[in-house]
Protein backbone atom coordinates (compact mmCIF):
# COMPACT_ATOMS: atom_id res chain seq x y z
CA UNK A 1 0.00 0.00 0.00
CA UNK A 2 1.30 3.45 -0.93
CA UNK A 3 1.63 5.98 1.88
CA UNK A 4 -0.32 9.13 1.00
CA UNK A 5 2.25 11.91 0.98
CA UNK A 6 2.84 14.82 -1.32
CA UNK A 7 5.92 14.54 -3.49
CA UNK A 8 8.79 16.90 -2.71
CA UNK A 9 9.45 19.83 -5.05
CA UNK A 10 13.21 19.58 -5.49
CA UNK A 11 13.73 22.22 -8.25
CA UNK A 12 16.25 20.23 -10.30
CA UNK A 13 16.33 20.06 -14.07
CA UNK A 14 14.94 16.84 -15.53
CA UNK A 15 12.88 15.94 -12.47
CA UNK A 16 10.26 13.27 -13.21
CA UNK A 17 7.90 14.58 -10.53
CA UNK A 18 4.94 14.80 -12.94
CA UNK A 19 5.73 11.45 -14.53
CA UNK A 20 6.35 9.04 -11.67
CA UNK A 21 2.71 8.05 -11.33
CA UNK A 22 2.57 7.25 -15.06
CA UNK A 23 5.77 5.24 -14.76
CA UNK A 24 4.32 3.25 -11.88
CA UNK A 25 1.11 2.72 -13.81
CA UNK A 26 3.17 1.14 -16.62
CA UNK A 27 4.76 -1.22 -14.10
CA UNK A 28 1.32 -2.30 -12.94
CA UNK A 29 -0.17 -2.62 -16.43
CA UNK A 30 2.80 -4.66 -17.66
CA UNK A 31 2.86 -6.75 -14.48
CA UNK A 32 6.49 -5.86 -13.76
CA UNK A 33 7.22 -7.51 -10.42
CA UNK A 34 10.14 -6.46 -8.21
CA UNK A 35 11.05 -5.94 -4.58
CA UNK A 36 14.16 -3.81 -4.96
CA UNK A 37 15.34 -1.06 -7.31
CA UNK A 38 18.61 0.62 -8.15
CA UNK A 39 18.25 4.22 -9.33
CA UNK A 40 21.61 4.66 -11.07
CA UNK A 41 21.34 8.40 -11.83
CA UNK A 42 19.46 9.43 -8.70
CA UNK A 43 19.24 13.14 -9.54
CA UNK A 44 16.26 14.89 -7.99
CA UNK A 45 15.35 11.71 -6.10
CA UNK A 46 11.70 11.78 -7.18
CA UNK A 47 11.63 8.32 -8.74
CA UNK A 48 13.34 6.70 -5.74
CA UNK A 49 11.13 8.62 -3.33
CA UNK A 50 7.99 7.39 -5.10
CA UNK A 51 9.24 3.80 -5.10
CA UNK A 52 9.97 4.18 -1.39
CA UNK A 53 6.33 5.23 -0.95
CA UNK A 54 5.42 1.93 -2.61
CA UNK A 55 7.35 0.07 0.12
CA UNK A 56 10.19 -1.30 -1.98
CA UNK A 57 13.87 -1.57 -1.07
CA UNK A 58 15.60 1.38 -2.72
CA UNK A 59 19.22 2.05 -3.65
CA UNK A 60 19.60 5.64 -4.74
CA UNK A 61 22.93 6.42 -6.39
CA UNK A 62 24.58 9.48 -7.87
CA UNK A 63 28.13 10.59 -8.54
CA UNK A 64 27.61 14.02 -6.99
CA UNK A 65 28.10 14.50 -3.29
CA UNK A 66 25.41 17.18 -3.02
CA UNK A 67 22.90 14.78 -4.56
CA UNK A 68 24.03 12.08 -2.14
CA UNK A 69 22.93 14.40 0.68
CA UNK A 70 19.60 15.05 -1.05
CA UNK A 71 19.04 11.30 -1.26
CA UNK A 72 20.03 10.85 2.36
CA UNK A 73 17.52 13.48 3.45
CA UNK A 74 14.62 12.29 1.27
CA UNK A 75 15.07 8.54 0.98
CA UNK A 76 17.49 7.39 3.66
CA UNK A 77 15.62 5.83 6.55
CA UNK A 78 16.31 7.03 10.03
CA UNK A 79 14.66 7.16 13.42
CA UNK A 80 16.28 10.58 13.82
CA UNK A 81 13.88 13.51 13.83
CA UNK A 82 15.33 16.74 12.44
CA UNK A 83 15.68 19.51 14.99
CA UNK A 84 13.94 22.67 13.74
CA UNK A 85 15.77 25.09 16.05
CA UNK A 86 19.15 23.46 15.47
CA UNK A 87 18.89 23.93 11.71
CA UNK A 88 17.69 27.54 12.01
CA UNK A 89 20.57 28.24 14.38
CA UNK A 90 22.99 27.42 11.56
CA UNK A 91 22.48 30.98 10.29
CA UNK A 92 24.11 32.44 13.41
CA UNK A 93 27.86 33.00 13.76
CA UNK A 94 29.44 31.31 16.75
CA UNK A 95 31.28 33.44 19.24
CA UNK A 96 35.04 33.00 19.00
CA UNK A 97 34.93 31.16 15.65
CA UNK A 98 36.97 32.61 12.80
CA UNK A 99 35.07 31.81 9.61
CA UNK A 100 36.53 31.40 6.16
CA UNK A 101 35.10 33.74 3.52
CA UNK A 102 35.56 31.55 0.44
CA UNK A 103 32.14 32.28 -1.12
CA UNK A 104 32.00 35.92 -0.08
CA UNK A 105 35.51 36.53 -1.39
CA UNK A 106 35.13 34.71 -4.73
CA UNK A 107 31.49 35.08 -5.78
CA UNK A 108 30.62 38.74 -5.43
CA UNK A 109 27.97 39.83 -7.98
CA UNK A 110 27.73 36.37 -9.53
CA UNK A 111 24.93 34.37 -7.85
CA UNK A 112 23.94 36.03 -4.57
CA UNK A 113 24.12 39.34 -2.71
CA UNK A 114 27.17 40.03 -0.52
CA UNK A 115 25.34 39.38 2.73
CA UNK A 116 23.93 36.13 1.33
CA UNK A 117 27.39 34.96 0.27
CA UNK A 118 28.60 35.66 3.79
CA UNK A 119 25.71 33.64 5.23
CA UNK A 120 26.42 30.69 2.95
CA UNK A 121 30.02 30.62 4.21
CA UNK A 122 28.78 30.62 7.80
CA UNK A 123 26.06 28.00 7.27
CA UNK A 124 28.30 25.47 5.52
CA UNK A 125 31.02 25.74 8.14
CA UNK A 126 28.46 25.39 10.94
CA UNK A 127 26.99 22.28 9.28
CA UNK A 128 30.41 20.67 8.91
CA UNK A 129 31.48 21.39 12.47
CA UNK A 130 28.24 20.70 14.34
CA UNK A 131 26.49 17.77 12.64
CA UNK A 132 27.96 14.32 13.18
CA UNK A 133 24.78 12.42 12.42
CA UNK A 134 24.68 11.85 8.64
CA UNK A 135 20.89 12.11 8.44
CA UNK A 136 20.85 15.44 10.31
CA UNK A 137 23.73 16.73 8.20
CA UNK A 138 21.96 15.73 4.99
CA UNK A 139 18.75 17.41 6.16
CA UNK A 140 20.62 20.64 6.89
CA UNK A 141 22.27 20.59 3.46
CA UNK A 142 18.91 19.86 1.82
CA UNK A 143 17.42 23.00 3.40
CA UNK A 144 20.44 25.07 2.33
CA UNK A 145 20.30 23.75 -1.26
CA UNK A 146 16.58 24.46 -1.56
CA UNK A 147 17.14 27.98 -0.26
CA UNK A 148 20.00 28.64 -2.69
CA UNK A 149 18.03 27.25 -5.65
CA UNK A 150 14.84 29.21 -5.06
CA UNK A 151 16.80 32.47 -4.95
CA UNK A 152 18.39 31.79 -8.34
CA UNK A 153 16.88 32.75 -11.72
CA UNK A 154 15.91 29.44 -13.37
CA UNK A 155 17.24 27.63 -10.25
CA UNK A 156 20.62 27.21 -11.98
CA UNK A 157 24.29 28.18 -11.62
CA UNK A 158 25.55 27.93 -15.19
CA UNK A 159 25.63 31.70 -15.69
CA UNK A 160 26.73 34.83 -13.90
CA UNK A 161 23.30 36.44 -13.82
CA UNK A 162 22.59 37.98 -10.41
CA UNK A 163 21.50 41.08 -12.37
CA UNK A 164 18.42 39.19 -13.62
CA UNK A 165 17.28 39.11 -10.04
CA UNK A 166 18.37 42.56 -8.87
CA UNK A 167 17.11 44.36 -11.99
CA UNK A 168 13.97 42.27 -12.36
CA UNK A 169 10.68 44.08 -12.99
CA UNK A 170 8.10 42.03 -14.86
CA UNK A 171 8.75 38.99 -17.03
CA UNK A 172 7.49 35.48 -17.68
CA UNK A 173 10.00 33.89 -15.33
CA UNK A 174 11.02 34.19 -11.74
CA UNK A 175 9.40 35.54 -8.62
CA UNK A 176 11.04 38.61 -7.17
CA UNK A 177 9.06 38.32 -3.94
CA UNK A 178 10.56 34.86 -3.36
CA UNK A 179 14.03 35.94 -4.47
CA UNK A 180 14.06 38.68 -1.87
CA UNK A 181 12.92 36.53 1.04
CA UNK A 182 15.62 36.25 3.68
CA UNK A 183 17.59 33.07 4.25
CA UNK A 184 15.93 32.90 7.65
CA UNK A 185 12.42 32.93 6.14
CA UNK A 186 13.33 30.32 3.55
CA UNK A 187 15.07 28.07 6.09
CA UNK A 188 11.86 28.05 8.15
CA UNK A 189 9.85 27.18 5.03
CA UNK A 190 12.06 24.32 3.92
CA UNK A 191 12.59 22.80 7.37
CA UNK A 192 8.81 22.57 7.70
CA UNK A 193 8.47 21.07 4.21
CA UNK A 194 11.18 18.51 4.89
CA UNK A 195 9.58 17.41 8.15
CA UNK A 196 6.38 16.68 6.20
CA UNK A 197 8.00 14.52 3.52
CA UNK A 198 10.53 12.53 5.55
CA UNK A 199 9.38 9.09 6.65
CA UNK A 200 10.64 5.61 7.43
CA UNK A 201 9.14 2.83 5.30
CA UNK A 202 10.83 0.08 7.33
CA UNK A 203 12.65 -1.16 4.24
CA UNK A 204 16.33 -1.25 3.31
CA UNK A 205 17.09 2.05 1.60
CA UNK A 206 20.72 2.66 0.67
CA UNK A 207 22.18 5.97 -0.52
CA UNK A 208 25.40 5.56 -2.51
CA UNK A 209 27.85 7.96 -4.12
CA UNK A 210 29.39 6.20 -7.14
CA UNK A 211 29.69 7.01 -10.79
CA UNK A 212 27.17 5.05 -12.87
CA UNK A 213 29.81 2.70 -14.27
CA UNK A 214 31.28 2.04 -10.83
CA UNK A 215 27.97 1.23 -9.17
CA UNK A 216 27.93 -2.57 -8.88
CA UNK A 217 24.93 -2.87 -6.56
CA UNK A 218 22.38 -5.48 -7.62
CA UNK A 219 18.60 -5.03 -7.63
CA UNK A 220 15.52 -6.62 -9.20
CA UNK A 221 14.93 -3.51 -11.31
CA UNK A 222 17.54 -1.02 -12.51
CA UNK A 223 16.20 2.41 -13.44
CA UNK A 224 18.38 4.43 -15.82
CA UNK A 225 17.62 8.10 -16.42
CA UNK A 226 20.80 9.23 -18.21
CA UNK A 227 21.91 12.71 -19.31
CA UNK A 228 20.05 13.87 -22.39
CA UNK A 229 21.60 15.28 -25.57
CA UNK A 230 19.27 17.44 -27.64
CA UNK A 231 19.97 16.56 -31.25
CA UNK A 232 19.50 20.21 -32.28
CA UNK A 233 21.30 22.00 -29.46
CA UNK A 234 24.42 22.10 -27.33
CA UNK A 235 24.73 20.00 -24.19
CA UNK A 236 24.84 21.65 -20.78
CA UNK A 237 26.06 19.15 -18.22
CA UNK A 238 24.41 18.53 -14.87
CA UNK A 239 27.70 19.53 -13.29
CA UNK A 240 27.63 22.94 -14.99
CA UNK A 241 24.06 23.50 -13.82
CA UNK A 242 24.78 22.70 -10.17
CA UNK A 243 28.54 22.97 -9.66
CA UNK A 244 28.04 25.58 -6.93
CA UNK A 245 26.12 23.14 -4.71
CA UNK A 246 28.72 20.44 -5.33
CA UNK A 247 31.35 22.96 -4.28
CA UNK A 248 29.57 23.64 -0.99
CA UNK A 249 29.74 19.96 -0.03
CA UNK A 250 33.49 20.08 -0.71
CA UNK A 251 33.91 23.46 0.98
CA UNK A 252 37.46 23.07 2.27
CA UNK A 253 38.70 22.19 -1.23
CA UNK A 254 36.55 24.33 -3.50
CA UNK A 255 38.87 27.38 -3.60
CA UNK A 256 41.43 25.24 -5.44
CA UNK A 257 38.91 24.25 -8.13
CA UNK A 258 37.38 27.61 -9.11
CA UNK A 259 37.71 28.22 -12.84
CA UNK A 260 38.81 31.85 -13.10
CA UNK A 261 38.55 31.70 -16.91
CA UNK A 262 34.77 31.39 -16.72
CA UNK A 263 32.51 34.34 -15.91
CA UNK A 264 30.43 32.21 -13.57
CA UNK A 265 33.55 30.83 -11.83
CA UNK A 266 32.46 27.24 -12.25
CA UNK A 267 33.80 24.96 -9.54
CA UNK A 268 35.50 22.17 -11.49
CA UNK A 269 35.37 19.51 -8.82
CA UNK A 270 34.04 15.96 -9.11
CA UNK A 271 33.58 16.13 -12.86
CA UNK A 272 33.04 12.90 -14.77
CA UNK A 273 33.17 12.12 -18.48
CA UNK A 274 30.72 9.25 -18.16
CA UNK A 275 27.62 9.91 -20.28
CA UNK A 276 28.81 13.46 -20.96
CA UNK A 277 30.05 12.89 -24.51
CA UNK A 278 27.94 12.08 -27.58
CA UNK A 279 30.88 10.14 -28.96
CA UNK A 280 31.07 7.80 -25.97
CA UNK A 281 27.43 7.74 -24.88
CA UNK A 282 26.47 4.48 -26.61
CA UNK A 283 29.55 2.67 -25.32
CA UNK A 284 28.86 3.96 -21.82
CA UNK A 285 25.28 2.72 -22.05
CA UNK A 286 26.44 -0.73 -23.21
CA UNK A 287 28.88 -0.98 -20.34
CA UNK A 288 26.24 0.08 -17.83
CA UNK A 289 23.61 -2.39 -19.04
CA UNK A 290 26.18 -5.20 -19.14
CA UNK A 291 26.62 -4.80 -15.37
CA UNK A 292 22.93 -5.48 -14.75
CA UNK A 293 21.91 -8.11 -17.30
CA UNK A 294 20.11 -10.19 -14.69
CA UNK A 295 17.87 -7.28 -13.69
CA UNK A 296 14.80 -5.74 -15.28
CA UNK A 297 16.15 -2.70 -17.14
CA UNK A 298 14.01 0.44 -17.36
CA UNK A 299 15.48 3.34 -19.33
CA UNK A 300 13.74 6.70 -19.12
CA UNK A 301 14.34 8.68 -22.27
CA UNK A 302 13.00 11.35 -24.62
CA UNK A 303 12.61 11.55 -28.36
CA UNK A 304 14.29 14.42 -30.25
CA UNK A 305 17.61 13.39 -28.73
CA UNK A 306 20.84 11.56 -29.43
CA UNK A 307 21.01 8.62 -29.54
CA UNK A 308 17.50 7.90 -30.79
CA UNK A 309 14.92 5.73 -29.04
CA UNK A 310 15.54 3.02 -31.64
CA UNK A 311 19.30 3.13 -31.05
CA UNK A 312 18.76 2.76 -27.30
CA UNK A 313 16.50 -0.22 -28.00
CA UNK A 314 19.20 -1.77 -30.21
CA UNK A 315 21.76 -1.40 -27.45
CA UNK A 316 19.43 -3.06 -24.99
CA UNK A 317 18.79 -5.90 -27.46
CA UNK A 318 22.46 -6.89 -27.19
CA UNK A 319 21.68 -8.02 -23.64
CA UNK A 320 17.96 -8.83 -23.64
CA UNK A 321 15.90 -10.87 -26.16
CA UNK A 322 13.95 -8.63 -28.54
CA UNK A 323 10.72 -10.35 -27.51
CA UNK A 324 11.32 -9.10 -23.95
CA UNK A 325 11.93 -5.48 -24.94
CA UNK A 326 9.14 -2.99 -25.38
CA UNK A 327 8.77 0.77 -25.59
CA UNK A 328 6.07 2.76 -23.81
CA UNK A 329 5.19 6.34 -24.77
CA UNK A 330 4.37 8.30 -21.62
CA UNK A 331 3.11 11.25 -23.64
CA UNK A 332 4.14 14.81 -24.36
CA UNK A 333 6.04 16.51 -21.59
CA UNK A 334 8.01 19.70 -21.00
CA UNK A 335 10.38 19.99 -18.07
CA UNK A 336 9.55 22.81 -15.69
CA UNK A 337 13.03 24.32 -16.00
CA UNK A 338 13.19 24.05 -19.79
CA UNK A 339 13.31 27.69 -20.85
CA UNK A 340 12.36 26.95 -24.46
CA UNK A 341 9.23 25.06 -23.32
CA UNK A 342 9.78 22.77 -26.29
CA UNK A 343 7.69 19.70 -25.73
CA UNK A 344 8.94 16.21 -26.49
CA UNK A 345 7.59 12.78 -25.72
CA UNK A 346 8.86 10.79 -22.74
CA UNK A 347 9.41 7.07 -23.19
CA UNK A 348 10.25 4.03 -21.14
CA UNK A 349 12.45 1.45 -22.86
CA UNK A 350 12.00 -1.74 -20.87
CA UNK A 351 13.95 -5.00 -21.02
CA UNK A 352 12.82 -7.83 -18.79
C-alpha cells in the first residue's frame, strides 16, 4: 500500500515529478514484479522517493556529493527527527569562531548578494562542524540547497546572472518576492516542508555515491535516467548546472577548483566524463547495461535526442531478447526548467 504523501518539489532540471505516477502505472499494467530497485542516476530523487512510498527496497545512487545528501535526506531511513531550532541556528555565527570567507571573497555579484554569500560561508562551516549524524547533516544541506536554488533565476548556476534578479521588474520567469525573502524565512519554510515529507518505510534504503559505471549494486529492477543530448542544441552538463552546490559539499577544497577563466567561476570539482560525450554515450550505455543483465532494465528517455529511441533499443537488445523489450510512450512533456518550453515525448524502454 502506498503511503499518502505529497511529493517533494526539489527544483532540479529533468525531475520526473509529474511522470512518476505514469511510470508506476506502466509497471502495474505490464505486471512488472520487483522488490528492490537501483536508481543509477538518482538526480532529484523523485523516482526513488515514489518507489519508497510503494514500500520497496531502494538504492539511490549518484556521482555528486550534493545529490548524495539530497538522497540521504529524502530517501534514507532514520529514526532521527530533524531539529527545527538546530537547523535555524545554523544561520548564526558562533562566538570565538573565525570563519573562512571563500564564497563571499570569490562570488561577489555572480549568484547572490554580498550578505547572502557571507551567510552561505557561515552555514556550511556550521553544518560541517556541528552535525555528526549523517541524516541530520543531509537534512541541513537539503534546506540550504533548496534555499539557494529558489533564490536563483531558473534555479541554476551555469551563468553569472545575479543582475536578472536585482534588476527584475516584470517577465514570464522568476518571482522577485521569493528571491528577496531572507535566508531565515526560507530556512523556516524548507525545514517545515522537509519534516512533512521525511518518513521511514521500514525497508532497506541505501544511498550511494558512485559514478554510474562504478555502481555494482544489484537489484531486481535497474532504473536508468541518463543525461540527455538534444539533437539540435548544445549539451549543458548537470555539473555545470549545479557545480556551486557540489562545491559547498566540498567546501574546504573548493577554492582550489574555481575556474577563473569562466565568468560564472564554475567549480570544477568531481567532474566525470561518463555519459557526458555524444561520442562515448552508446559505449557507456552498453557498459552500464552489461553490469545489470540479470535485472529488469528500465530506461527513461526522450525523443528528439541523441542517440535515438531506436538506437537505445538496439543497445538493450544486445543483452535482452527482442521479444522481452518494449517501448512505452508516456506522452508529451516539457520539463519545468526548460526555458524553451519545447515539448517532447517521454518514453520508457523496458527490457525484462
